Amino acid sequence: MTADDVARLQAGTAARDALALLLRGPGDRNAFAAVFHADAESDVQTFGPTACRGHGPTAMRQLTTWLGRAFAELSVSVREVLLDEDYVVVRATISGRHVGTLVVHDANAEPVSAFPGTGRWLRFDATHRFRIRNGLVIGHGVTSEGPAGAGALLGADTRRYRSSQRRTLRRARRELREAFGPRVPVQPHPLNPRDHR
């Protein structure tokens, strides 16, 4: 086995371990430190609360905490793994249950959409992109290949559910104001159905 083969194997292993940690939930801090680089970041963080923003294993662990509040019994079925030097692409099917509220935030960490738990099972295809440095994940990105829009993905696009979304969003904004004081007005966001009527 050549040095390149070993590096590719390490990159693939790091990507697999990172994906498992991201879907499994917060877990052990040491497990995140063993997989994520001190400068690791994910494009999913831009939709999360302030605690998810930043770099390194702690921010990645907070990301899984945020997602773990909304989804349970997440599992992944890997369909394909592509390796190219320090980049790994994993095509997979993700499934789980939407059990809690997912609050989506804008670039300023302001809540812009809320998806209360439905208890429904979801299943969608996604492509995860990992950048590896020294055997650790330093970058992560994901593209969903499922239905367009989070509401369609979560399978609850009724008048009653939209009303519940608005109430939940108001509560999330109120809680943020109570915790941190007045903030900048919320800007329109592509995942907020109210901003596009």
N, C-alpha and C. Protein backbone atom coordinates (compact mmCIF):
# COMPACT_ATOMS: atom_id res chain seq x y z
N MET A 1 0.84 -1.17 0.00
CA MET A 1 0.00 0.00 0.00
C MET A 1 0.89 1.24 0.00
N THR A 2 0.62 2.17 -0.92
CA THR A 2 1.43 3.38 -1.03
C THR A 2 0.98 4.42 -0.01
N ALA A 3 1.78 5.46 0.13
CA ALA A 3 1.44 6.56 1.05
C ALA A 3 0.16 7.25 0.61
N ASP A 4 -0.05 7.36 -0.71
CA ASP A 4 -1.29 7.96 -1.22
C ASP A 4 -2.49 7.11 -0.85
N ASP A 5 -2.35 5.79 -0.95
CA ASP A 5 -3.45 4.90 -0.58
C ASP A 5 -3.81 5.04 0.90
N VAL A 6 -2.79 5.15 1.73
CA VAL A 6 -3.01 5.31 3.17
C VAL A 6 -3.72 6.64 3.44
N ALA A 7 -3.29 7.71 2.78
CA ALA A 7 -3.91 9.03 2.96
C ALA A 7 -5.37 9.00 2.53
N ARG A 8 -5.65 8.32 1.41
CA ARG A 8 -7.03 8.22 0.93
C ARG A 8 -7.89 7.42 1.91
N LEU A 9 -7.33 6.36 2.44
CA LEU A 9 -8.05 5.55 3.42
C LEU A 9 -8.34 6.37 4.68
N GLN A 10 -7.36 7.14 5.14
CA GLN A 10 -7.57 7.98 6.32
C GLN A 10 -8.63 9.06 6.05
N ALA A 11 -8.61 9.63 4.86
CA ALA A 11 -9.59 10.66 4.51
C ALA A 11 -10.99 10.06 4.49
N GLY A 12 -11.14 8.89 3.88
CA GLY A 12 -12.45 8.23 3.85
C GLY A 12 -12.95 7.88 5.23
N THR A 13 -12.05 7.40 6.08
CA THR A 13 -12.42 7.05 7.45
C THR A 13 -12.84 8.29 8.24
N ALA A 14 -12.10 9.39 8.09
CA ALA A 14 -12.43 10.63 8.78
C ALA A 14 -13.81 11.13 8.35
N ALA A 15 -14.12 11.09 7.05
CA ALA A 15 -15.42 11.54 6.55
C ALA A 15 -16.54 10.65 7.09
N ARG A 16 -16.33 9.35 7.08
CA ARG A 16 -17.35 8.42 7.60
C ARG A 16 -17.62 8.68 9.08
N ASP A 17 -16.55 8.84 9.86
CA ASP A 17 -16.70 9.09 11.29
C ASP A 17 -17.38 10.43 11.55
N ALA A 18 -17.05 11.45 10.77
CA ALA A 18 -17.66 12.77 10.94
C ALA A 18 -19.16 12.71 10.64
N LEU A 19 -19.53 12.03 9.57
CA LEU A 19 -20.95 11.91 9.22
C LEU A 19 -21.71 11.19 10.32
N ALA A 20 -21.13 10.12 10.85
CA ALA A 20 -21.78 9.37 11.94
C ALA A 20 -21.96 10.27 13.17
N LEU A 21 -20.95 11.06 13.53
CA LEU A 21 -21.06 11.95 14.69
C LEU A 21 -22.11 13.03 14.47
N LEU A 22 -22.14 13.61 13.26
CA LEU A 22 -23.10 14.67 12.98
C LEU A 22 -24.54 14.18 13.07
N LEU A 23 -24.77 12.94 12.73
CA LEU A 23 -26.13 12.40 12.76
C LEU A 23 -26.48 11.75 14.10
N ARG A 24 -25.50 11.29 14.82
CA ARG A 24 -25.76 10.54 16.06
C ARG A 24 -26.15 11.45 17.22
N GLY A 25 -25.65 12.66 17.24
CA GLY A 25 -25.97 13.55 18.35
C GLY A 25 -24.72 13.96 19.09
N PRO A 26 -24.90 14.79 20.14
CA PRO A 26 -23.75 15.42 20.79
C PRO A 26 -22.67 14.45 21.25
N GLY A 27 -23.00 13.45 22.00
CA GLY A 27 -22.01 12.46 22.40
C GLY A 27 -20.80 13.02 23.12
N ASP A 28 -19.74 12.26 23.08
CA ASP A 28 -18.52 12.54 23.83
C ASP A 28 -17.68 13.63 23.15
N ARG A 29 -17.24 14.61 23.92
CA ARG A 29 -16.39 15.69 23.39
C ARG A 29 -15.11 15.15 22.75
N ASN A 30 -14.54 14.12 23.37
CA ASN A 30 -13.30 13.55 22.85
C ASN A 30 -13.49 12.92 21.47
N ALA A 31 -14.68 12.36 21.23
CA ALA A 31 -14.95 11.77 19.92
C ALA A 31 -14.93 12.85 18.84
N PHE A 32 -15.46 14.02 19.14
CA PHE A 32 -15.45 15.12 18.17
C PHE A 32 -14.03 15.64 17.96
N ALA A 33 -13.26 15.74 19.04
CA ALA A 33 -11.88 16.20 18.92
C ALA A 33 -11.02 15.24 18.12
N ALA A 34 -11.37 13.96 18.12
CA ALA A 34 -10.61 12.96 17.38
C ALA A 34 -10.92 12.98 15.89
N VAL A 35 -12.02 13.63 15.50
CA VAL A 35 -12.45 13.62 14.10
C VAL A 35 -12.37 15.00 13.44
N PHE A 36 -12.67 16.06 14.21
CA PHE A 36 -12.74 17.40 13.64
C PHE A 36 -11.50 18.22 13.99
N HIS A 37 -10.98 18.90 13.00
CA HIS A 37 -9.83 19.79 13.12
C HIS A 37 -10.20 21.00 13.99
N ALA A 38 -9.22 21.64 14.59
CA ALA A 38 -9.47 22.82 15.44
C ALA A 38 -10.10 23.96 14.65
N ASP A 39 -9.93 23.98 13.33
CA ASP A 39 -10.52 25.02 12.48
C ASP A 39 -11.72 24.52 11.69
N ALA A 40 -12.28 23.38 12.08
CA ALA A 40 -13.39 22.79 11.31
C ALA A 40 -14.61 23.69 11.32
N GLU A 41 -15.30 23.70 10.17
CA GLU A 41 -16.57 24.42 10.06
C GLU A 41 -17.45 23.72 9.04
N SER A 42 -18.75 24.02 9.10
CA SER A 42 -19.73 23.40 8.21
C SER A 42 -20.65 24.46 7.65
N ASP A 43 -21.08 24.30 6.40
CA ASP A 43 -22.01 25.29 5.86
C ASP A 43 -23.39 25.20 6.52
N VAL A 44 -23.69 24.09 7.20
CA VAL A 44 -24.95 23.95 7.93
C VAL A 44 -24.99 24.90 9.12
N GLN A 45 -23.82 25.27 9.65
CA GLN A 45 -23.75 26.17 10.80
C GLN A 45 -24.42 27.50 10.53
N THR A 46 -24.45 27.95 9.28
CA THR A 46 -25.03 29.26 8.96
C THR A 46 -26.53 29.30 9.21
N PHE A 47 -27.17 28.15 9.38
CA PHE A 47 -28.61 28.11 9.66
C PHE A 47 -28.89 27.90 11.15
N GLY A 48 -27.85 27.66 11.93
CA GLY A 48 -28.02 27.36 13.35
C GLY A 48 -27.90 28.57 14.24
N PRO A 49 -28.16 28.38 15.54
CA PRO A 49 -28.02 29.47 16.49
C PRO A 49 -26.56 29.83 16.72
N THR A 50 -26.33 30.87 17.50
CA THR A 50 -24.99 31.38 17.75
C THR A 50 -24.03 30.30 18.25
N ALA A 51 -24.51 29.40 19.12
CA ALA A 51 -23.65 28.36 19.69
C ALA A 51 -23.04 27.46 18.62
N CYS A 52 -23.71 27.32 17.48
CA CYS A 52 -23.22 26.47 16.40
C CYS A 52 -22.16 27.15 15.55
N ARG A 53 -22.05 28.45 15.66
CA ARG A 53 -21.15 29.21 14.80
C ARG A 53 -19.77 29.22 15.40
N GLY A 54 -18.82 29.18 14.59
CA GLY A 54 -17.45 29.16 15.09
C GLY A 54 -16.71 28.00 14.45
N HIS A 55 -15.59 27.65 15.04
CA HIS A 55 -14.73 26.63 14.46
C HIS A 55 -14.42 25.56 15.49
N GLY A 56 -14.08 24.40 14.97
CA GLY A 56 -13.55 23.35 15.82
C GLY A 56 -14.58 22.35 16.31
N PRO A 57 -14.10 21.37 17.06
CA PRO A 57 -14.95 20.29 17.55
C PRO A 57 -16.12 20.77 18.40
N THR A 58 -15.93 21.81 19.20
CA THR A 58 -17.01 22.29 20.06
C THR A 58 -18.16 22.84 19.24
N ALA A 59 -17.86 23.63 18.21
CA ALA A 59 -18.91 24.17 17.34
C ALA A 59 -19.62 23.04 16.59
N MET A 60 -18.87 22.04 16.15
CA MET A 60 -19.49 20.92 15.45
C MET A 60 -20.38 20.12 16.39
N ARG A 61 -19.97 20.00 17.63
CA ARG A 61 -20.79 19.29 18.63
C ARG A 61 -22.07 20.07 18.90
N GLN A 62 -21.98 21.39 18.97
CA GLN A 62 -23.18 22.22 19.16
C GLN A 62 -24.13 22.09 17.97
N LEU A 63 -23.57 21.94 16.79
CA LEU A 63 -24.39 21.73 15.59
C LEU A 63 -25.23 20.46 15.74
N THR A 64 -24.62 19.40 16.22
CA THR A 64 -25.38 18.15 16.39
C THR A 64 -26.40 18.27 17.51
N THR A 65 -26.12 19.08 18.52
CA THR A 65 -27.10 19.32 19.58
C THR A 65 -28.32 20.02 19.02
N TRP A 66 -28.10 21.04 18.19
CA TRP A 66 -29.19 21.79 17.57
C TRP A 66 -30.04 20.86 16.71
N LEU A 67 -29.42 20.07 15.86
CA LEU A 67 -30.18 19.15 15.01
C LEU A 67 -30.83 18.04 15.82
N GLY A 68 -30.15 17.60 16.88
CA GLY A 68 -30.67 16.52 17.72
C GLY A 68 -31.94 16.88 18.46
N ARG A 69 -32.17 18.17 18.68
CA ARG A 69 -33.41 18.61 19.33
C ARG A 69 -34.61 18.41 18.41
N ALA A 70 -34.36 18.43 17.12
CA ALA A 70 -35.46 18.34 16.15
C ALA A 70 -35.65 16.93 15.58
N PHE A 71 -34.58 16.15 15.52
CA PHE A 71 -34.67 14.86 14.85
C PHE A 71 -34.18 13.73 15.75
N ALA A 72 -34.86 12.61 15.68
CA ALA A 72 -34.48 11.43 16.47
C ALA A 72 -34.31 10.25 15.53
N GLU A 73 -33.59 9.28 16.03
CA GLU A 73 -33.42 8.01 15.30
C GLU A 73 -32.86 8.22 13.90
N LEU A 74 -31.95 9.19 13.79
CA LEU A 74 -31.34 9.44 12.49
C LEU A 74 -30.41 8.30 12.11
N SER A 75 -30.48 7.93 10.87
CA SER A 75 -29.58 6.89 10.37
C SER A 75 -29.16 7.27 8.96
N VAL A 76 -28.06 6.67 8.55
CA VAL A 76 -27.52 6.98 7.23
C VAL A 76 -27.23 5.68 6.49
N SER A 77 -27.56 5.68 5.23
CA SER A 77 -27.21 4.57 4.36
C SER A 77 -26.34 5.14 3.24
N VAL A 78 -25.05 4.82 3.28
CA VAL A 78 -24.11 5.37 2.31
C VAL A 78 -24.27 4.66 0.97
N ARG A 79 -24.45 5.45 -0.10
CA ARG A 79 -24.61 4.90 -1.44
C ARG A 79 -23.31 4.93 -2.23
N GLU A 80 -22.50 5.97 -1.99
CA GLU A 80 -21.29 6.12 -2.78
C GLU A 80 -20.30 7.01 -2.04
N VAL A 81 -19.02 6.70 -2.14
CA VAL A 81 -17.96 7.51 -1.56
C VAL A 81 -16.94 7.79 -2.66
N LEU A 82 -16.65 9.06 -2.86
CA LEU A 82 -15.67 9.48 -3.87
C LEU A 82 -14.53 10.19 -3.16
N LEU A 83 -13.31 9.82 -3.48
CA LEU A 83 -12.12 10.41 -2.86
C LEU A 83 -11.28 11.12 -3.91
N ASP A 84 -10.82 12.31 -3.58
CA ASP A 84 -9.91 13.04 -4.45
C ASP A 84 -8.96 13.85 -3.58
N GLU A 85 -7.79 13.28 -3.32
CA GLU A 85 -6.78 13.87 -2.45
C GLU A 85 -7.38 14.21 -1.09
N ASP A 86 -7.54 15.50 -0.76
CA ASP A 86 -8.05 15.90 0.55
C ASP A 86 -9.56 16.11 0.58
N TYR A 87 -10.24 15.69 -0.46
CA TYR A 87 -11.69 15.88 -0.52
C TYR A 87 -12.38 14.53 -0.58
N VAL A 88 -13.47 14.43 0.16
CA VAL A 88 -14.28 13.21 0.18
C VAL A 88 -15.73 13.62 -0.04
N VAL A 89 -16.39 12.96 -0.97
CA VAL A 89 -17.81 13.19 -1.21
C VAL A 89 -18.55 11.91 -0.85
N VAL A 90 -19.58 12.05 0.00
CA VAL A 90 -20.37 10.91 0.42
C VAL A 90 -21.80 11.14 -0.01
N ARG A 91 -22.31 10.26 -0.86
CA ARG A 91 -23.72 10.31 -1.25
C ARG A 91 -24.45 9.30 -0.38
N ALA A 92 -25.49 9.78 0.30
CA ALA A 92 -26.14 8.92 1.27
C ALA A 92 -27.63 9.21 1.35
N THR A 93 -28.36 8.27 1.91
CA THR A 93 -29.78 8.46 2.22
C THR A 93 -29.88 8.60 3.73
N ILE A 94 -30.51 9.68 4.16
CA ILE A 94 -30.68 9.97 5.57
C ILE A 94 -32.14 9.72 5.92
N SER A 95 -32.37 9.07 7.06
CA SER A 95 -33.75 8.89 7.51
C SER A 95 -33.80 9.13 9.01
N GLY A 96 -34.97 9.51 9.50
CA GLY A 96 -35.17 9.78 10.91
C GLY A 96 -36.56 10.32 11.15
N ARG A 97 -36.82 10.72 12.39
CA ARG A 97 -38.14 11.21 12.76
C ARG A 97 -38.04 12.65 13.23
N HIS A 98 -38.97 13.48 12.77
CA HIS A 98 -39.02 14.90 13.14
C HIS A 98 -39.81 15.02 14.44
N VAL A 99 -39.10 15.09 15.58
CA VAL A 99 -39.75 15.03 16.88
C VAL A 99 -39.80 16.35 17.63
N GLY A 100 -38.93 17.29 17.29
CA GLY A 100 -38.89 18.56 18.01
C GLY A 100 -38.82 19.72 17.04
N THR A 101 -38.83 20.91 17.58
CA THR A 101 -38.83 22.11 16.75
C THR A 101 -37.45 22.38 16.18
N LEU A 102 -37.40 22.62 14.88
CA LEU A 102 -36.18 23.06 14.22
C LEU A 102 -36.34 24.55 13.95
N VAL A 103 -35.52 25.36 14.59
CA VAL A 103 -35.54 26.80 14.37
C VAL A 103 -34.37 27.13 13.46
N VAL A 104 -34.68 27.73 12.31
CA VAL A 104 -33.66 28.09 11.31
C VAL A 104 -33.32 29.57 11.51
N HIS A 105 -32.03 29.88 11.45
CA HIS A 105 -31.55 31.23 11.71
C HIS A 105 -30.93 31.84 10.46
N ASP A 106 -30.84 33.18 10.45
CA ASP A 106 -30.21 33.87 9.33
C ASP A 106 -28.73 34.12 9.65
N ALA A 107 -28.08 34.92 8.81
CA ALA A 107 -26.64 35.17 8.98
C ALA A 107 -26.32 35.87 10.29
N ASN A 108 -27.30 36.60 10.85
CA ASN A 108 -27.11 37.28 12.13
C ASN A 108 -27.56 36.43 13.31
N ALA A 109 -27.84 35.16 13.08
CA ALA A 109 -28.33 34.22 14.10
C ALA A 109 -29.71 34.60 14.63
N GLU A 110 -30.49 35.31 13.82
CA GLU A 110 -31.87 35.63 14.17
C GLU A 110 -32.78 34.52 13.67
N PRO A 111 -33.74 34.07 14.47
CA PRO A 111 -34.69 33.05 14.00
C PRO A 111 -35.52 33.58 12.83
N VAL A 112 -35.58 32.83 11.74
CA VAL A 112 -36.36 33.25 10.58
C VAL A 112 -37.42 32.23 10.18
N SER A 113 -37.28 31.00 10.62
CA SER A 113 -38.28 29.97 10.36
C SER A 113 -38.28 28.98 11.52
N ALA A 114 -39.44 28.40 11.74
CA ALA A 114 -39.54 27.39 12.79
C ALA A 114 -40.41 26.25 12.27
N PHE A 115 -39.95 25.03 12.50
CA PHE A 115 -40.67 23.85 12.05
C PHE A 115 -40.96 22.96 13.26
N PRO A 116 -42.15 23.14 13.89
CA PRO A 116 -42.47 22.32 15.06
C PRO A 116 -42.47 20.84 14.69
N GLY A 117 -42.11 20.01 15.66
CA GLY A 117 -42.06 18.56 15.43
C GLY A 117 -43.41 18.01 14.98
N THR A 118 -43.35 17.08 14.07
CA THR A 118 -44.58 16.46 13.54
C THR A 118 -44.68 14.99 13.94
N GLY A 119 -43.56 14.42 14.37
CA GLY A 119 -43.55 12.99 14.67
C GLY A 119 -43.41 12.14 13.43
N ARG A 120 -43.40 12.77 12.26
CA ARG A 120 -43.33 12.05 10.99
C ARG A 120 -41.91 11.58 10.69
N TRP A 121 -41.85 10.49 9.97
CA TRP A 121 -40.57 9.98 9.47
C TRP A 121 -40.21 10.73 8.21
N LEU A 122 -38.94 11.01 8.04
CA LEU A 122 -38.48 11.63 6.80
C LEU A 122 -37.34 10.80 6.24
N ARG A 123 -37.20 10.91 4.96
CA ARG A 123 -36.14 10.18 4.26
C ARG A 123 -35.76 11.02 3.05
N PHE A 124 -34.48 11.30 2.92
CA PHE A 124 -34.05 12.10 1.77
C PHE A 124 -32.61 11.75 1.43
N ASP A 125 -32.26 12.04 0.20
CA ASP A 125 -30.90 11.83 -0.27
C ASP A 125 -30.10 13.11 -0.08
N ALA A 126 -28.85 12.96 0.27
CA ALA A 126 -27.99 14.13 0.48
C ALA A 126 -26.58 13.80 0.03
N THR A 127 -25.88 14.83 -0.39
CA THR A 127 -24.47 14.70 -0.73
C THR A 127 -23.68 15.51 0.28
N HIS A 128 -22.83 14.84 1.03
CA HIS A 128 -21.97 15.50 2.02
C HIS A 128 -20.57 15.63 1.43
N ARG A 129 -20.00 16.83 1.56
CA ARG A 129 -18.66 17.10 1.08
C ARG A 129 -17.76 17.37 2.28
N PHE A 130 -16.64 16.68 2.34
CA PHE A 130 -15.69 16.86 3.44
C PHE A 130 -14.34 17.26 2.90
N ARG A 131 -13.70 18.19 3.58
CA ARG A 131 -12.31 18.56 3.28
C ARG A 131 -11.48 18.07 4.46
N ILE A 132 -10.41 17.37 4.17
CA ILE A 132 -9.59 16.72 5.19
C ILE A 132 -8.23 17.41 5.26
N ARG A 133 -7.76 17.63 6.49
CA ARG A 133 -6.40 18.13 6.70
C ARG A 133 -5.76 17.32 7.84
N ASN A 134 -4.62 16.73 7.55
CA ASN A 134 -3.90 15.92 8.55
C ASN A 134 -4.77 14.84 9.18
N GLY A 135 -5.62 14.23 8.36
CA GLY A 135 -6.47 13.14 8.85
C GLY A 135 -7.71 13.58 9.61
N LEU A 136 -7.95 14.91 9.71
CA LEU A 136 -9.11 15.43 10.42
C LEU A 136 -9.99 16.24 9.48
N VAL A 137 -11.28 16.27 9.76
CA VAL A 137 -12.22 17.03 8.93
C VAL A 137 -12.08 18.51 9.28
N ILE A 138 -11.82 19.33 8.25
CA ILE A 138 -11.71 20.77 8.46
C ILE A 138 -12.88 21.51 7.80
N GLY A 139 -13.54 20.87 6.83
CA GLY A 139 -14.67 21.50 6.16
C GLY A 139 -15.76 20.49 5.88
N HIS A 140 -17.01 20.93 5.96
CA HIS A 140 -18.15 20.07 5.68
C HIS A 140 -19.23 20.89 4.98
N GLY A 141 -19.80 20.33 3.96
CA GLY A 141 -20.92 20.95 3.27
C GLY A 141 -21.92 19.87 2.92
N VAL A 142 -23.16 20.26 2.76
CA VAL A 142 -24.18 19.27 2.42
C VAL A 142 -25.18 19.88 1.46
N THR A 143 -25.62 19.08 0.52
CA THR A 143 -26.66 19.46 -0.42
C THR A 143 -27.73 18.40 -0.36
N SER A 144 -28.96 18.82 -0.08
CA SER A 144 -30.07 17.88 -0.03
C SER A 144 -30.56 17.62 -1.44
N GLU A 145 -30.82 16.38 -1.73
CA GLU A 145 -31.34 16.02 -3.05
C GLU A 145 -32.83 15.71 -2.94
N GLY A 146 -33.41 16.09 -1.81
CA GLY A 146 -34.82 15.81 -1.56
C GLY A 146 -35.71 16.89 -2.14
N PRO A 147 -36.98 16.93 -1.70
CA PRO A 147 -37.94 17.92 -2.19
C PRO A 147 -37.45 19.34 -1.89
N ALA A 148 -37.87 20.27 -2.70
CA ALA A 148 -37.46 21.66 -2.51
C ALA A 148 -38.15 22.23 -1.27
N GLY A 149 -37.38 22.88 -0.44
CA GLY A 149 -37.94 23.56 0.73
C GLY A 149 -38.05 22.66 1.94
N ALA A 150 -37.73 23.24 3.09
CA ALA A 150 -37.76 22.46 4.32
C ALA A 150 -39.18 22.02 4.67
N GLY A 151 -40.19 22.85 4.39
CA GLY A 151 -41.58 22.47 4.69
C GLY A 151 -41.99 21.23 3.94
N ALA A 152 -41.60 21.15 2.66
CA ALA A 152 -41.92 19.96 1.87
C ALA A 152 -41.16 18.75 2.40
N LEU A 153 -39.92 18.96 2.79
CA LEU A 153 -39.11 17.86 3.32
C LEU A 153 -39.71 17.30 4.59
N LEU A 154 -40.18 18.18 5.47
CA LEU A 154 -40.75 17.74 6.74
C LEU A 154 -42.18 17.26 6.58
N GLY A 155 -42.77 17.45 5.41
CA GLY A 155 -44.05 16.85 5.08
C GLY A 155 -45.25 17.45 5.79
N ALA A 156 -45.19 18.72 6.16
CA ALA A 156 -46.31 19.34 6.86
C ALA A 156 -46.56 20.72 6.27
N ASP A 157 -47.33 20.77 5.21
CA ASP A 157 -47.60 22.04 4.55
C ASP A 157 -49.10 22.28 4.55
N THR A 158 -49.68 22.44 5.74
CA THR A 158 -51.11 22.71 5.88
C THR A 158 -51.28 24.06 6.55
N ARG A 159 -52.48 24.60 6.47
CA ARG A 159 -52.78 25.89 7.11
C ARG A 159 -52.53 25.80 8.62
N ARG A 160 -52.96 24.72 9.23
CA ARG A 160 -52.79 24.54 10.67
C ARG A 160 -51.30 24.50 11.05
N TYR A 161 -50.52 23.79 10.24
CA TYR A 161 -49.09 23.70 10.52
C TYR A 161 -48.41 25.06 10.34
N ARG A 162 -48.78 25.79 9.29
CA ARG A 162 -48.19 27.11 9.07
C ARG A 162 -48.51 28.06 10.23
N SER A 163 -49.71 27.95 10.77
CA SER A 163 -50.08 28.74 11.94
C SER A 163 -49.20 28.37 13.14
N SER A 164 -48.97 27.08 13.31
CA SER A 164 -48.10 26.61 14.38
C SER A 164 -46.67 27.11 14.17
N GLN A 165 -46.23 27.15 12.92
CA GLN A 165 -44.90 27.67 12.60
C GLN A 165 -44.76 29.13 13.04
N ARG A 166 -45.77 29.94 12.71
CA ARG A 166 -45.73 31.36 13.06
C ARG A 166 -45.67 31.56 14.57
N ARG A 167 -46.49 30.80 15.32
CA ARG A 167 -46.47 30.91 16.79
C ARG A 167 -45.11 30.51 17.34
N THR A 168 -44.58 29.43 16.82
CA THR A 168 -43.29 28.94 17.31
C THR A 168 -42.17 29.92 16.97
N LEU A 169 -42.22 30.52 15.80
CA LEU A 169 -41.22 31.50 15.41
C LEU A 169 -41.29 32.74 16.31
N ARG A 170 -42.52 33.22 16.59
CA ARG A 170 -42.66 34.36 17.50
C ARG A 170 -42.07 34.05 18.87
N ARG A 171 -42.33 32.82 19.36
CA ARG A 171 -41.79 32.42 20.67
C ARG A 171 -40.26 32.38 20.64
N ALA A 172 -39.69 31.85 19.56
CA ALA A 172 -38.22 31.78 19.45
C ALA A 172 -37.61 33.17 19.42
N ARG A 173 -38.23 34.09 18.71
CA ARG A 173 -37.73 35.46 18.66
C ARG A 173 -37.85 36.14 20.02
N ARG A 174 -38.99 35.92 20.70
CA ARG A 174 -39.19 36.49 22.03
C ARG A 174 -38.13 35.96 23.01
N GLU A 175 -37.89 34.66 22.98
CA GLU A 175 -36.88 34.07 23.86
C GLU A 175 -35.49 34.64 23.60
N LEU A 176 -35.19 34.89 22.34
CA LEU A 176 -33.89 35.47 21.99
C LEU A 176 -33.79 36.90 22.53
N ARG A 177 -34.87 37.69 22.37
CA ARG A 177 -34.87 39.06 22.89
C ARG A 177 -34.72 39.08 24.41
N GLU A 178 -35.44 38.16 25.08
CA GLU A 178 -35.36 38.11 26.55
C GLU A 178 -33.96 37.73 27.02
N ALA A 179 -33.31 36.87 26.25
CA ALA A 179 -31.97 36.43 26.65
C ALA A 179 -30.89 37.46 26.33
N PHE A 180 -31.04 38.17 25.20
CA PHE A 180 -29.95 39.05 24.74
C PHE A 180 -30.35 40.50 24.50
N GLY A 181 -31.59 40.87 24.72
CA GLY A 181 -32.04 42.24 24.49
C GLY A 181 -32.44 42.44 23.04
N PRO A 182 -32.84 43.69 22.69
CA PRO A 182 -33.29 43.98 21.31
C PRO A 182 -32.19 43.68 20.30
N ARG A 183 -32.59 43.18 19.16
CA ARG A 183 -31.64 42.83 18.11
C ARG A 183 -32.00 43.58 16.83
N VAL A 184 -31.18 43.39 15.81
CA VAL A 184 -31.40 43.98 14.51
C VAL A 184 -32.66 43.35 13.90
N PRO A 185 -33.49 44.13 13.16
CA PRO A 185 -34.67 43.52 12.54
C PRO A 185 -34.29 42.35 11.63
N VAL A 186 -35.16 41.36 11.59
CA VAL A 186 -34.92 40.16 10.80
C VAL A 186 -35.11 40.46 9.33
N GLN A 187 -34.18 40.01 8.51
CA GLN A 187 -34.24 40.18 7.07
C GLN A 187 -34.94 38.98 6.43
N PRO A 188 -35.53 39.13 5.23
CA PRO A 188 -36.14 37.97 4.56
C PRO A 188 -35.13 36.85 4.38
N HIS A 189 -35.62 35.64 4.48
CA HIS A 189 -34.77 34.45 4.40
C HIS A 189 -35.41 33.45 3.44
N PRO A 190 -34.63 32.76 2.61
CA PRO A 190 -35.21 31.85 1.62
C PRO A 190 -36.00 30.69 2.22
N LEU A 191 -35.76 30.31 3.47
CA LEU A 191 -36.51 29.21 4.08
C LEU A 191 -37.72 29.67 4.87
N ASN A 192 -37.97 30.99 4.91
CA ASN A 192 -39.10 31.51 5.67
C ASN A 192 -40.29 31.69 4.74
N PRO A 193 -41.34 30.87 4.86
CA PRO A 193 -42.48 30.96 3.94
C PRO A 193 -43.20 32.30 4.03
N ARG A 194 -43.21 32.96 5.19
CA ARG A 194 -43.91 34.24 5.34
C ARG A 194 -43.26 35.34 4.54
N ASP A 195 -41.97 35.23 4.28
CA ASP A 195 -41.26 36.27 3.55
C ASP A 195 -41.48 36.22 2.05
N HIS A 196 -42.19 35.21 1.58
CA HIS A 196 -42.34 35.03 0.13
C HIS A 196 -43.79 34.92 -0.28
N ARG A 197 -44.67 35.62 0.39
CA ARG A 197 -46.09 35.60 0.02
C ARG A 197 -46.45 36.78 -0.80
